[in-house]
């Protein structure tokens, strides 16, 4: 499948296969990000494809919350942990999850919200600053993965709370 460069500020994400795949599309339905999970011995990996390149995203099983994004040469280009994404050049972007209403932010570059109708979907708005960045493909991929993980986690917690109340 051919991937389309990111040129629009509105995107839609859809997780498939129990969160093991993720597809992000623009308003015309063109795919701009695809991610697929692979299981390794000591970590979970996702291969993240965009028109701007391919990255491997690793999550150490022992840490659970820290992810490392590697370029095609195996160099770390970003690390996400404890509410921030640190890029290889030292730039730090905050990652925020807000509950009421549920919103997910990557600095001032990305704002997303989950769908009330489907725990597998989210919509995102990219800022002009994001659209102007050379590394927007990688950042949109990272933000998409973080958003989908947060949406799925929130739904699990809400489902557990509803089950406990009955």
N, C-alpha and C. Protein backbone atom coordinates (compact mmCIF):
# COMPACT_ATOMS: atom_id res chain seq x y z
N UNK A 1 0.84 -1.18 0.00
CA UNK A 1 0.00 0.00 0.00
C UNK A 1 0.88 1.25 0.00
N UNK A 2 0.52 2.18 -0.80
CA UNK A 2 1.25 3.44 -0.88
C UNK A 2 0.76 4.38 0.21
N UNK A 3 1.70 5.03 0.91
CA UNK A 3 1.36 5.95 1.98
C UNK A 3 1.43 7.39 1.48
N UNK A 4 0.49 8.20 1.95
CA UNK A 4 0.38 9.59 1.52
C UNK A 4 1.11 10.51 2.49
N UNK A 5 1.83 11.50 2.00
CA UNK A 5 2.46 12.48 2.90
C UNK A 5 1.39 13.23 3.71
N UNK A 6 1.77 13.65 4.90
CA UNK A 6 0.86 14.38 5.78
C UNK A 6 0.83 15.84 5.34
N UNK A 7 -0.35 16.28 4.89
CA UNK A 7 -0.49 17.66 4.42
C UNK A 7 -1.69 18.37 5.03
N UNK A 8 -2.50 17.67 5.80
CA UNK A 8 -3.72 18.22 6.36
C UNK A 8 -3.69 18.20 7.88
N UNK A 9 -4.43 19.09 8.50
CA UNK A 9 -4.39 19.19 9.96
C UNK A 9 -5.32 18.21 10.65
N UNK A 10 -6.21 17.59 9.95
CA UNK A 10 -7.15 16.64 10.58
C UNK A 10 -6.83 15.21 10.15
N UNK A 11 -6.76 14.34 11.15
CA UNK A 11 -6.48 12.93 10.90
C UNK A 11 -7.42 12.06 11.73
N UNK A 12 -7.62 10.82 11.28
CA UNK A 12 -8.42 9.83 11.99
C UNK A 12 -7.59 8.58 12.20
N UNK A 13 -7.65 8.01 13.40
CA UNK A 13 -6.93 6.78 13.70
C UNK A 13 -7.89 5.65 13.97
N UNK A 14 -7.51 4.45 13.57
CA UNK A 14 -8.31 3.25 13.80
C UNK A 14 -7.39 2.09 14.15
N UNK A 15 -7.61 1.52 15.32
CA UNK A 15 -6.84 0.34 15.75
C UNK A 15 -7.57 -0.91 15.27
N UNK A 16 -6.80 -1.91 14.92
CA UNK A 16 -7.37 -3.18 14.50
C UNK A 16 -6.67 -4.31 15.24
N UNK A 17 -7.21 -5.50 15.08
CA UNK A 17 -6.59 -6.71 15.62
C UNK A 17 -6.23 -6.55 17.10
N UNK A 18 -7.20 -6.08 17.88
CA UNK A 18 -7.04 -5.89 19.33
C UNK A 18 -5.89 -4.95 19.68
N UNK A 19 -5.76 -3.90 18.92
CA UNK A 19 -4.73 -2.91 19.18
C UNK A 19 -3.35 -3.26 18.63
N UNK A 20 -3.25 -4.33 17.86
CA UNK A 20 -1.95 -4.74 17.33
C UNK A 20 -1.63 -4.08 15.99
N UNK A 21 -2.62 -3.40 15.41
CA UNK A 21 -2.39 -2.62 14.19
C UNK A 21 -3.03 -1.25 14.38
N UNK A 22 -2.52 -0.28 13.66
CA UNK A 22 -3.06 1.07 13.70
C UNK A 22 -2.95 1.67 12.31
N UNK A 23 -4.04 2.26 11.85
CA UNK A 23 -4.06 2.95 10.57
C UNK A 23 -4.55 4.36 10.81
N UNK A 24 -3.82 5.35 10.30
CA UNK A 24 -4.21 6.76 10.41
C UNK A 24 -4.43 7.28 9.01
N UNK A 25 -5.58 7.95 8.83
CA UNK A 25 -5.95 8.45 7.51
C UNK A 25 -6.22 9.95 7.54
N UNK A 26 -6.11 10.58 6.37
CA UNK A 26 -6.47 11.99 6.23
C UNK A 26 -7.96 12.07 5.89
N UNK A 27 -8.54 13.27 5.77
CA UNK A 27 -9.97 13.38 5.48
C UNK A 27 -10.43 12.74 4.18
N UNK A 28 -9.53 12.54 3.24
CA UNK A 28 -9.88 11.90 1.97
C UNK A 28 -9.77 10.38 2.03
N UNK A 29 -9.41 9.84 3.21
CA UNK A 29 -9.28 8.39 3.35
C UNK A 29 -7.92 7.85 2.97
N UNK A 30 -6.97 8.73 2.63
CA UNK A 30 -5.62 8.29 2.30
C UNK A 30 -4.88 7.89 3.56
N UNK A 31 -4.17 6.78 3.52
CA UNK A 31 -3.42 6.30 4.68
C UNK A 31 -2.12 7.09 4.80
N UNK A 32 -1.91 7.68 5.98
CA UNK A 32 -0.69 8.46 6.23
C UNK A 32 0.24 7.77 7.22
N UNK A 33 -0.30 6.88 8.06
CA UNK A 33 0.50 6.11 9.02
C UNK A 33 -0.06 4.71 9.12
N UNK A 34 0.83 3.72 9.12
CA UNK A 34 0.45 2.34 9.41
C UNK A 34 1.43 1.81 10.44
N UNK A 35 0.89 1.10 11.42
CA UNK A 35 1.74 0.47 12.43
C UNK A 35 1.25 -0.96 12.66
N UNK A 36 2.21 -1.86 12.86
CA UNK A 36 1.87 -3.25 13.12
C UNK A 36 2.77 -3.78 14.22
N UNK A 37 2.18 -4.45 15.18
CA UNK A 37 2.93 -4.99 16.32
C UNK A 37 3.60 -6.31 15.96
N UNK A 38 4.81 -6.46 16.52
CA UNK A 38 5.54 -7.73 16.45
C UNK A 38 6.05 -8.04 17.85
N UNK A 39 6.01 -9.29 18.23
CA UNK A 39 6.50 -9.70 19.55
C UNK A 39 7.94 -10.18 19.44
N UNK A 40 8.83 -9.59 20.24
CA UNK A 40 10.21 -10.05 20.32
C UNK A 40 10.39 -10.72 21.68
N UNK A 41 11.56 -11.30 21.92
CA UNK A 41 11.78 -12.05 23.15
C UNK A 41 11.57 -11.23 24.41
N UNK A 42 12.18 -10.05 24.47
CA UNK A 42 12.13 -9.26 25.70
C UNK A 42 11.40 -7.94 25.53
N UNK A 43 10.68 -7.77 24.44
CA UNK A 43 10.02 -6.50 24.20
C UNK A 43 8.91 -6.66 23.17
N UNK A 44 8.05 -5.65 23.15
CA UNK A 44 7.03 -5.55 22.12
C UNK A 44 7.54 -4.51 21.12
N UNK A 45 7.43 -4.81 19.86
CA UNK A 45 7.87 -3.90 18.80
C UNK A 45 6.69 -3.53 17.93
N UNK A 46 6.71 -2.31 17.44
CA UNK A 46 5.78 -1.91 16.40
C UNK A 46 6.61 -1.36 15.25
N UNK A 47 6.24 -1.72 14.06
CA UNK A 47 6.86 -1.13 12.88
C UNK A 47 5.92 -0.03 12.43
N UNK A 48 6.47 1.16 12.31
CA UNK A 48 5.70 2.36 12.03
C UNK A 48 6.11 2.86 10.65
N UNK A 49 5.17 2.86 9.70
CA UNK A 49 5.45 3.29 8.33
C UNK A 49 4.69 4.57 8.01
N UNK A 50 5.38 5.52 7.37
CA UNK A 50 4.78 6.74 6.86
C UNK A 50 5.43 7.03 5.51
N UNK A 51 4.89 8.00 4.79
CA UNK A 51 5.53 8.41 3.54
C UNK A 51 6.91 9.00 3.81
N UNK A 52 7.14 9.48 5.04
CA UNK A 52 8.42 10.08 5.42
C UNK A 52 9.45 9.10 5.93
N UNK A 53 9.10 7.83 6.05
CA UNK A 53 10.08 6.85 6.50
C UNK A 53 9.46 5.73 7.32
N UNK A 54 10.35 4.85 7.79
CA UNK A 54 9.96 3.70 8.61
C UNK A 54 10.75 3.76 9.91
N UNK A 55 10.05 3.49 11.02
CA UNK A 55 10.68 3.46 12.33
C UNK A 55 10.25 2.19 13.05
N UNK A 56 11.08 1.77 13.95
CA UNK A 56 10.76 0.64 14.82
C UNK A 56 10.55 1.22 16.21
N UNK A 57 9.46 0.85 16.83
CA UNK A 57 9.12 1.35 18.15
C UNK A 57 9.19 0.16 19.10
N UNK A 58 10.06 0.28 20.11
CA UNK A 58 10.25 -0.81 21.08
C UNK A 58 9.72 -0.39 22.43
N UNK A 59 9.10 -1.35 23.09
CA UNK A 59 8.65 -1.14 24.47
C UNK A 59 9.21 -2.29 25.29
N UNK A 60 10.06 -1.95 26.25
CA UNK A 60 10.63 -2.98 27.10
C UNK A 60 9.53 -3.56 27.99
N UNK A 61 9.44 -4.87 28.05
CA UNK A 61 8.43 -5.53 28.86
C UNK A 61 8.60 -5.17 30.33
N UNK A 62 9.84 -5.03 30.77
CA UNK A 62 10.10 -4.74 32.18
C UNK A 62 9.61 -3.35 32.59
N UNK A 63 9.73 -2.35 31.69
CA UNK A 63 9.32 -1.00 32.06
C UNK A 63 7.85 -0.75 31.78
N UNK A 64 7.34 -1.30 30.69
CA UNK A 64 5.94 -1.17 30.36
C UNK A 64 5.53 0.17 29.80
N UNK A 65 6.07 1.26 30.31
CA UNK A 65 5.60 2.57 29.87
C UNK A 65 6.60 3.31 29.00
N UNK A 66 7.86 2.93 29.00
CA UNK A 66 8.85 3.63 28.18
C UNK A 66 8.93 3.00 26.81
N UNK A 67 8.89 3.87 25.79
CA UNK A 67 9.09 3.38 24.43
C UNK A 67 10.28 4.10 23.81
N UNK A 68 10.98 3.37 22.94
CA UNK A 68 12.11 3.93 22.20
C UNK A 68 11.79 3.80 20.73
N UNK A 69 12.00 4.90 19.99
CA UNK A 69 11.77 4.92 18.56
C UNK A 69 13.12 4.90 17.87
N UNK A 70 13.31 3.92 16.97
CA UNK A 70 14.58 3.72 16.28
C UNK A 70 14.40 3.96 14.79
N UNK A 71 15.40 4.58 14.18
CA UNK A 71 15.35 4.78 12.72
C UNK A 71 15.78 3.50 12.03
N UNK A 72 15.87 3.53 10.70
CA UNK A 72 16.19 2.32 9.93
C UNK A 72 17.60 1.81 10.21
N UNK A 73 18.49 2.68 10.70
CA UNK A 73 19.86 2.26 11.05
C UNK A 73 19.96 1.75 12.48
N UNK A 74 18.85 1.77 13.22
CA UNK A 74 18.86 1.31 14.61
C UNK A 74 19.24 2.38 15.62
N UNK A 75 19.31 3.64 15.18
CA UNK A 75 19.63 4.74 16.10
C UNK A 75 18.37 5.23 16.79
N UNK A 76 18.47 5.48 18.11
CA UNK A 76 17.33 6.02 18.85
C UNK A 76 17.08 7.45 18.40
N UNK A 77 15.86 7.73 17.95
CA UNK A 77 15.51 9.09 17.50
C UNK A 77 14.52 9.75 18.45
N UNK A 78 13.91 8.96 19.35
CA UNK A 78 12.99 9.49 20.35
C UNK A 78 12.77 8.47 21.45
N UNK A 79 12.55 8.98 22.65
CA UNK A 79 12.20 8.14 23.80
C UNK A 79 11.01 8.79 24.48
N UNK A 80 9.98 8.00 24.74
CA UNK A 80 8.80 8.49 25.44
C UNK A 80 8.71 7.81 26.80
N UNK A 81 8.62 8.64 27.84
CA UNK A 81 8.53 8.11 29.20
C UNK A 81 8.02 9.20 30.13
N UNK A 82 7.18 8.82 31.06
CA UNK A 82 6.74 9.70 32.14
C UNK A 82 6.25 11.08 31.66
N UNK A 83 5.38 11.08 30.69
CA UNK A 83 4.75 12.32 30.27
C UNK A 83 5.58 13.22 29.37
N UNK A 84 6.58 12.65 28.73
CA UNK A 84 7.36 13.46 27.80
C UNK A 84 7.94 12.59 26.69
N UNK A 85 8.20 13.25 25.57
CA UNK A 85 8.88 12.62 24.44
C UNK A 85 10.16 13.42 24.23
N UNK A 86 11.30 12.74 24.32
CA UNK A 86 12.59 13.39 24.15
C UNK A 86 13.16 12.95 22.80
N UNK A 87 13.41 13.92 21.93
CA UNK A 87 13.96 13.64 20.60
C UNK A 87 15.48 13.55 20.67
N UNK A 88 16.08 12.96 19.65
CA UNK A 88 17.53 12.74 19.63
C UNK A 88 18.33 14.04 19.76
N UNK A 89 17.78 15.15 19.27
CA UNK A 89 18.49 16.43 19.36
C UNK A 89 18.31 17.11 20.72
N UNK A 90 17.61 16.44 21.65
CA UNK A 90 17.41 16.98 23.00
C UNK A 90 16.10 17.73 23.19
N UNK A 91 15.36 17.98 22.12
CA UNK A 91 14.07 18.66 22.26
C UNK A 91 13.13 17.80 23.10
N UNK A 92 12.43 18.43 24.04
CA UNK A 92 11.49 17.73 24.91
C UNK A 92 10.08 18.22 24.61
N UNK A 93 9.18 17.28 24.31
CA UNK A 93 7.78 17.59 24.06
C UNK A 93 6.96 16.93 25.16
N UNK A 94 6.04 17.69 25.76
CA UNK A 94 5.20 17.11 26.80
C UNK A 94 4.13 16.22 26.18
N UNK A 95 3.80 15.15 26.89
CA UNK A 95 2.70 14.26 26.50
C UNK A 95 1.68 14.32 27.64
N UNK A 96 0.47 14.76 27.33
CA UNK A 96 -0.55 14.93 28.37
C UNK A 96 -1.81 14.15 28.03
N UNK A 97 -2.38 13.57 29.07
CA UNK A 97 -3.70 12.94 28.97
C UNK A 97 -4.61 13.68 29.93
N UNK A 98 -5.68 14.23 29.40
CA UNK A 98 -6.67 14.92 30.24
C UNK A 98 -7.95 14.13 30.21
N UNK A 99 -8.62 14.06 31.35
CA UNK A 99 -9.80 13.21 31.44
C UNK A 99 -11.12 13.87 31.10
N UNK A 100 -11.32 15.10 31.48
CA UNK A 100 -12.63 15.72 31.26
C UNK A 100 -12.50 17.03 30.50
N UNK A 101 -12.84 17.06 29.25
CA UNK A 101 -13.10 15.91 28.39
C UNK A 101 -11.79 15.20 28.04
N UNK A 102 -11.91 13.96 27.63
CA UNK A 102 -10.72 13.16 27.32
C UNK A 102 -9.99 13.76 26.11
N UNK A 103 -8.76 14.18 26.33
CA UNK A 103 -7.92 14.76 25.28
C UNK A 103 -6.49 14.26 25.47
N UNK A 104 -5.78 14.18 24.38
CA UNK A 104 -4.40 13.71 24.38
C UNK A 104 -3.57 14.72 23.60
N UNK A 105 -2.48 15.22 24.20
CA UNK A 105 -1.68 16.29 23.59
C UNK A 105 -0.21 15.93 23.52
N UNK A 106 0.40 16.28 22.41
CA UNK A 106 1.86 16.23 22.27
C UNK A 106 2.30 17.67 22.09
N UNK A 107 2.78 18.27 23.18
CA UNK A 107 3.17 19.68 23.16
C UNK A 107 2.06 20.53 22.58
N UNK A 108 2.42 21.50 21.75
CA UNK A 108 1.42 22.31 21.07
C UNK A 108 1.26 21.85 19.61
N UNK A 109 1.67 20.60 19.36
CA UNK A 109 1.70 20.09 17.99
C UNK A 109 0.50 19.21 17.62
N UNK A 110 -0.07 18.52 18.60
CA UNK A 110 -1.07 17.47 18.36
C UNK A 110 -2.09 17.49 19.48
N UNK A 111 -3.37 17.48 19.13
CA UNK A 111 -4.45 17.30 20.10
C UNK A 111 -5.39 16.25 19.52
N UNK A 112 -5.70 15.23 20.32
CA UNK A 112 -6.57 14.15 19.84
C UNK A 112 -7.62 13.82 20.89
N UNK A 113 -8.68 13.20 20.42
CA UNK A 113 -9.71 12.71 21.33
C UNK A 113 -10.21 11.37 20.82
N UNK A 114 -10.59 10.53 21.78
CA UNK A 114 -11.14 9.23 21.43
C UNK A 114 -12.59 9.36 21.03
N UNK A 115 -13.09 8.36 20.33
CA UNK A 115 -14.48 8.33 19.91
C UNK A 115 -15.32 7.67 21.00
N UNK A 116 -16.46 8.27 21.32
CA UNK A 116 -17.37 7.66 22.30
C UNK A 116 -18.04 6.43 21.72
N UNK A 117 -18.14 6.37 20.41
CA UNK A 117 -18.84 5.25 19.78
C UNK A 117 -17.96 4.02 19.59
N UNK A 118 -16.67 4.24 19.56
CA UNK A 118 -15.76 3.12 19.30
C UNK A 118 -14.48 3.29 20.09
N UNK A 119 -14.10 2.27 20.82
CA UNK A 119 -12.84 2.34 21.57
C UNK A 119 -11.63 2.17 20.66
N UNK A 120 -11.87 1.91 19.39
CA UNK A 120 -10.77 1.70 18.45
C UNK A 120 -10.43 2.93 17.63
N UNK A 121 -11.18 4.03 17.78
CA UNK A 121 -11.00 5.20 16.93
C UNK A 121 -10.58 6.44 17.71
N UNK A 122 -9.87 7.33 17.03
CA UNK A 122 -9.59 8.65 17.57
C UNK A 122 -9.52 9.64 16.42
N UNK A 123 -9.72 10.91 16.75
CA UNK A 123 -9.52 11.97 15.76
C UNK A 123 -8.45 12.91 16.31
N UNK A 124 -7.67 13.49 15.42
CA UNK A 124 -6.56 14.35 15.84
C UNK A 124 -6.53 15.62 15.01
N UNK A 125 -6.03 16.66 15.66
CA UNK A 125 -5.83 17.95 15.01
C UNK A 125 -4.35 18.30 15.12
N UNK A 126 -3.72 18.59 13.99
CA UNK A 126 -2.32 18.98 13.97
C UNK A 126 -2.22 20.50 13.86
N UNK A 127 -1.29 21.08 14.60
CA UNK A 127 -1.10 22.53 14.53
C UNK A 127 -0.31 22.89 13.27
N UNK A 128 -0.33 24.16 12.94
CA UNK A 128 0.48 24.65 11.83
C UNK A 128 1.96 24.38 12.08
N UNK A 129 2.36 24.50 13.35
CA UNK A 129 3.76 24.23 13.70
C UNK A 129 4.13 22.77 13.39
N UNK A 130 3.21 21.84 13.67
CA UNK A 130 3.46 20.43 13.35
C UNK A 130 3.59 20.24 11.84
N UNK A 131 2.67 20.83 11.09
CA UNK A 131 2.69 20.66 9.64
C UNK A 131 3.95 21.23 9.00
N UNK A 132 4.58 22.19 9.66
CA UNK A 132 5.79 22.83 9.12
C UNK A 132 7.07 22.05 9.47
N UNK A 133 6.99 21.08 10.36
CA UNK A 133 8.20 20.37 10.82
C UNK A 133 8.67 19.34 9.80
N UNK A 134 9.98 19.19 9.69
CA UNK A 134 10.56 18.15 8.83
C UNK A 134 10.31 16.76 9.38
N UNK A 135 10.21 16.64 10.71
CA UNK A 135 10.04 15.33 11.35
C UNK A 135 8.58 15.03 11.69
N UNK A 136 7.63 15.70 11.00
CA UNK A 136 6.22 15.52 11.33
C UNK A 136 5.74 14.08 11.14
N UNK A 137 6.27 13.37 10.15
CA UNK A 137 5.84 11.97 9.94
C UNK A 137 6.14 11.12 11.16
N UNK A 138 7.35 11.24 11.67
CA UNK A 138 7.73 10.48 12.87
C UNK A 138 6.89 10.92 14.07
N UNK A 139 6.73 12.24 14.26
CA UNK A 139 5.98 12.74 15.41
C UNK A 139 4.51 12.35 15.35
N UNK A 140 3.92 12.40 14.17
CA UNK A 140 2.53 11.97 14.03
C UNK A 140 2.42 10.47 14.34
N UNK A 141 3.39 9.69 13.88
CA UNK A 141 3.38 8.26 14.21
C UNK A 141 3.47 8.01 15.70
N UNK A 142 4.38 8.69 16.37
CA UNK A 142 4.54 8.54 17.82
C UNK A 142 3.27 8.98 18.54
N UNK A 143 2.76 10.16 18.19
CA UNK A 143 1.55 10.67 18.84
C UNK A 143 0.36 9.74 18.60
N UNK A 144 0.28 9.16 17.41
CA UNK A 144 -0.80 8.22 17.10
C UNK A 144 -0.73 6.99 17.99
N UNK A 145 0.47 6.44 18.14
CA UNK A 145 0.63 5.26 19.00
C UNK A 145 0.32 5.59 20.46
N UNK A 146 0.82 6.72 20.95
CA UNK A 146 0.55 7.11 22.34
C UNK A 146 -0.93 7.36 22.56
N UNK A 147 -1.59 8.00 21.59
CA UNK A 147 -3.02 8.26 21.71
C UNK A 147 -3.81 6.97 21.73
N UNK A 148 -3.51 6.08 20.79
CA UNK A 148 -4.28 4.83 20.74
C UNK A 148 -4.09 4.02 22.01
N UNK A 149 -2.88 3.98 22.52
CA UNK A 149 -2.63 3.27 23.77
C UNK A 149 -3.45 3.89 24.91
N UNK A 150 -3.46 5.23 24.99
CA UNK A 150 -4.20 5.92 26.05
C UNK A 150 -5.71 5.71 25.90
N UNK A 151 -6.23 5.74 24.67
CA UNK A 151 -7.65 5.51 24.44
C UNK A 151 -8.04 4.11 24.87
N UNK A 152 -7.26 3.12 24.47
CA UNK A 152 -7.56 1.73 24.85
C UNK A 152 -7.48 1.55 26.36
N UNK A 153 -6.47 2.13 26.98
CA UNK A 153 -6.29 2.03 28.43
C UNK A 153 -7.46 2.69 29.17
N UNK A 154 -7.88 3.85 28.71
CA UNK A 154 -9.00 4.55 29.34
C UNK A 154 -10.27 3.70 29.24
N UNK A 155 -10.52 3.10 28.10
CA UNK A 155 -11.71 2.26 27.93
C UNK A 155 -11.65 1.04 28.85
N UNK A 156 -10.47 0.45 29.02
CA UNK A 156 -10.32 -0.68 29.93
C UNK A 156 -10.66 -0.27 31.35
N UNK A 157 -10.13 0.88 31.77
CA UNK A 157 -10.39 1.36 33.13
C UNK A 157 -11.87 1.68 33.34
N UNK A 158 -12.50 2.34 32.36
CA UNK A 158 -13.93 2.65 32.47
C UNK A 158 -14.76 1.38 32.50
N UNK A 159 -14.38 0.39 31.69
CA UNK A 159 -15.09 -0.89 31.69
C UNK A 159 -14.95 -1.62 33.01
N UNK A 160 -13.75 -1.58 33.60
CA UNK A 160 -13.53 -2.23 34.89
C UNK A 160 -14.33 -1.53 35.97
N UNK A 161 -14.38 -0.20 35.92
CA UNK A 161 -15.14 0.55 36.93
C UNK A 161 -16.63 0.26 36.81
N UNK A 162 -17.14 0.16 35.58
CA UNK A 162 -18.55 -0.15 35.38
C UNK A 162 -18.87 -1.55 35.86
N UNK A 163 -17.95 -2.48 35.63
CA UNK A 163 -18.16 -3.86 36.08
C UNK A 163 -18.13 -4.00 37.58
N UNK A 164 -17.31 -3.19 38.23
CA UNK A 164 -17.20 -3.23 39.69
C UNK A 164 -18.43 -2.65 40.35
N UNK A 165 -19.10 -1.74 39.66
CA UNK A 165 -20.27 -1.08 40.24
C UNK A 165 -21.53 -1.92 40.19
N UNK A 166 -21.52 -2.98 39.39
CA UNK A 166 -22.74 -3.76 39.18
C UNK A 166 -22.73 -4.96 39.97
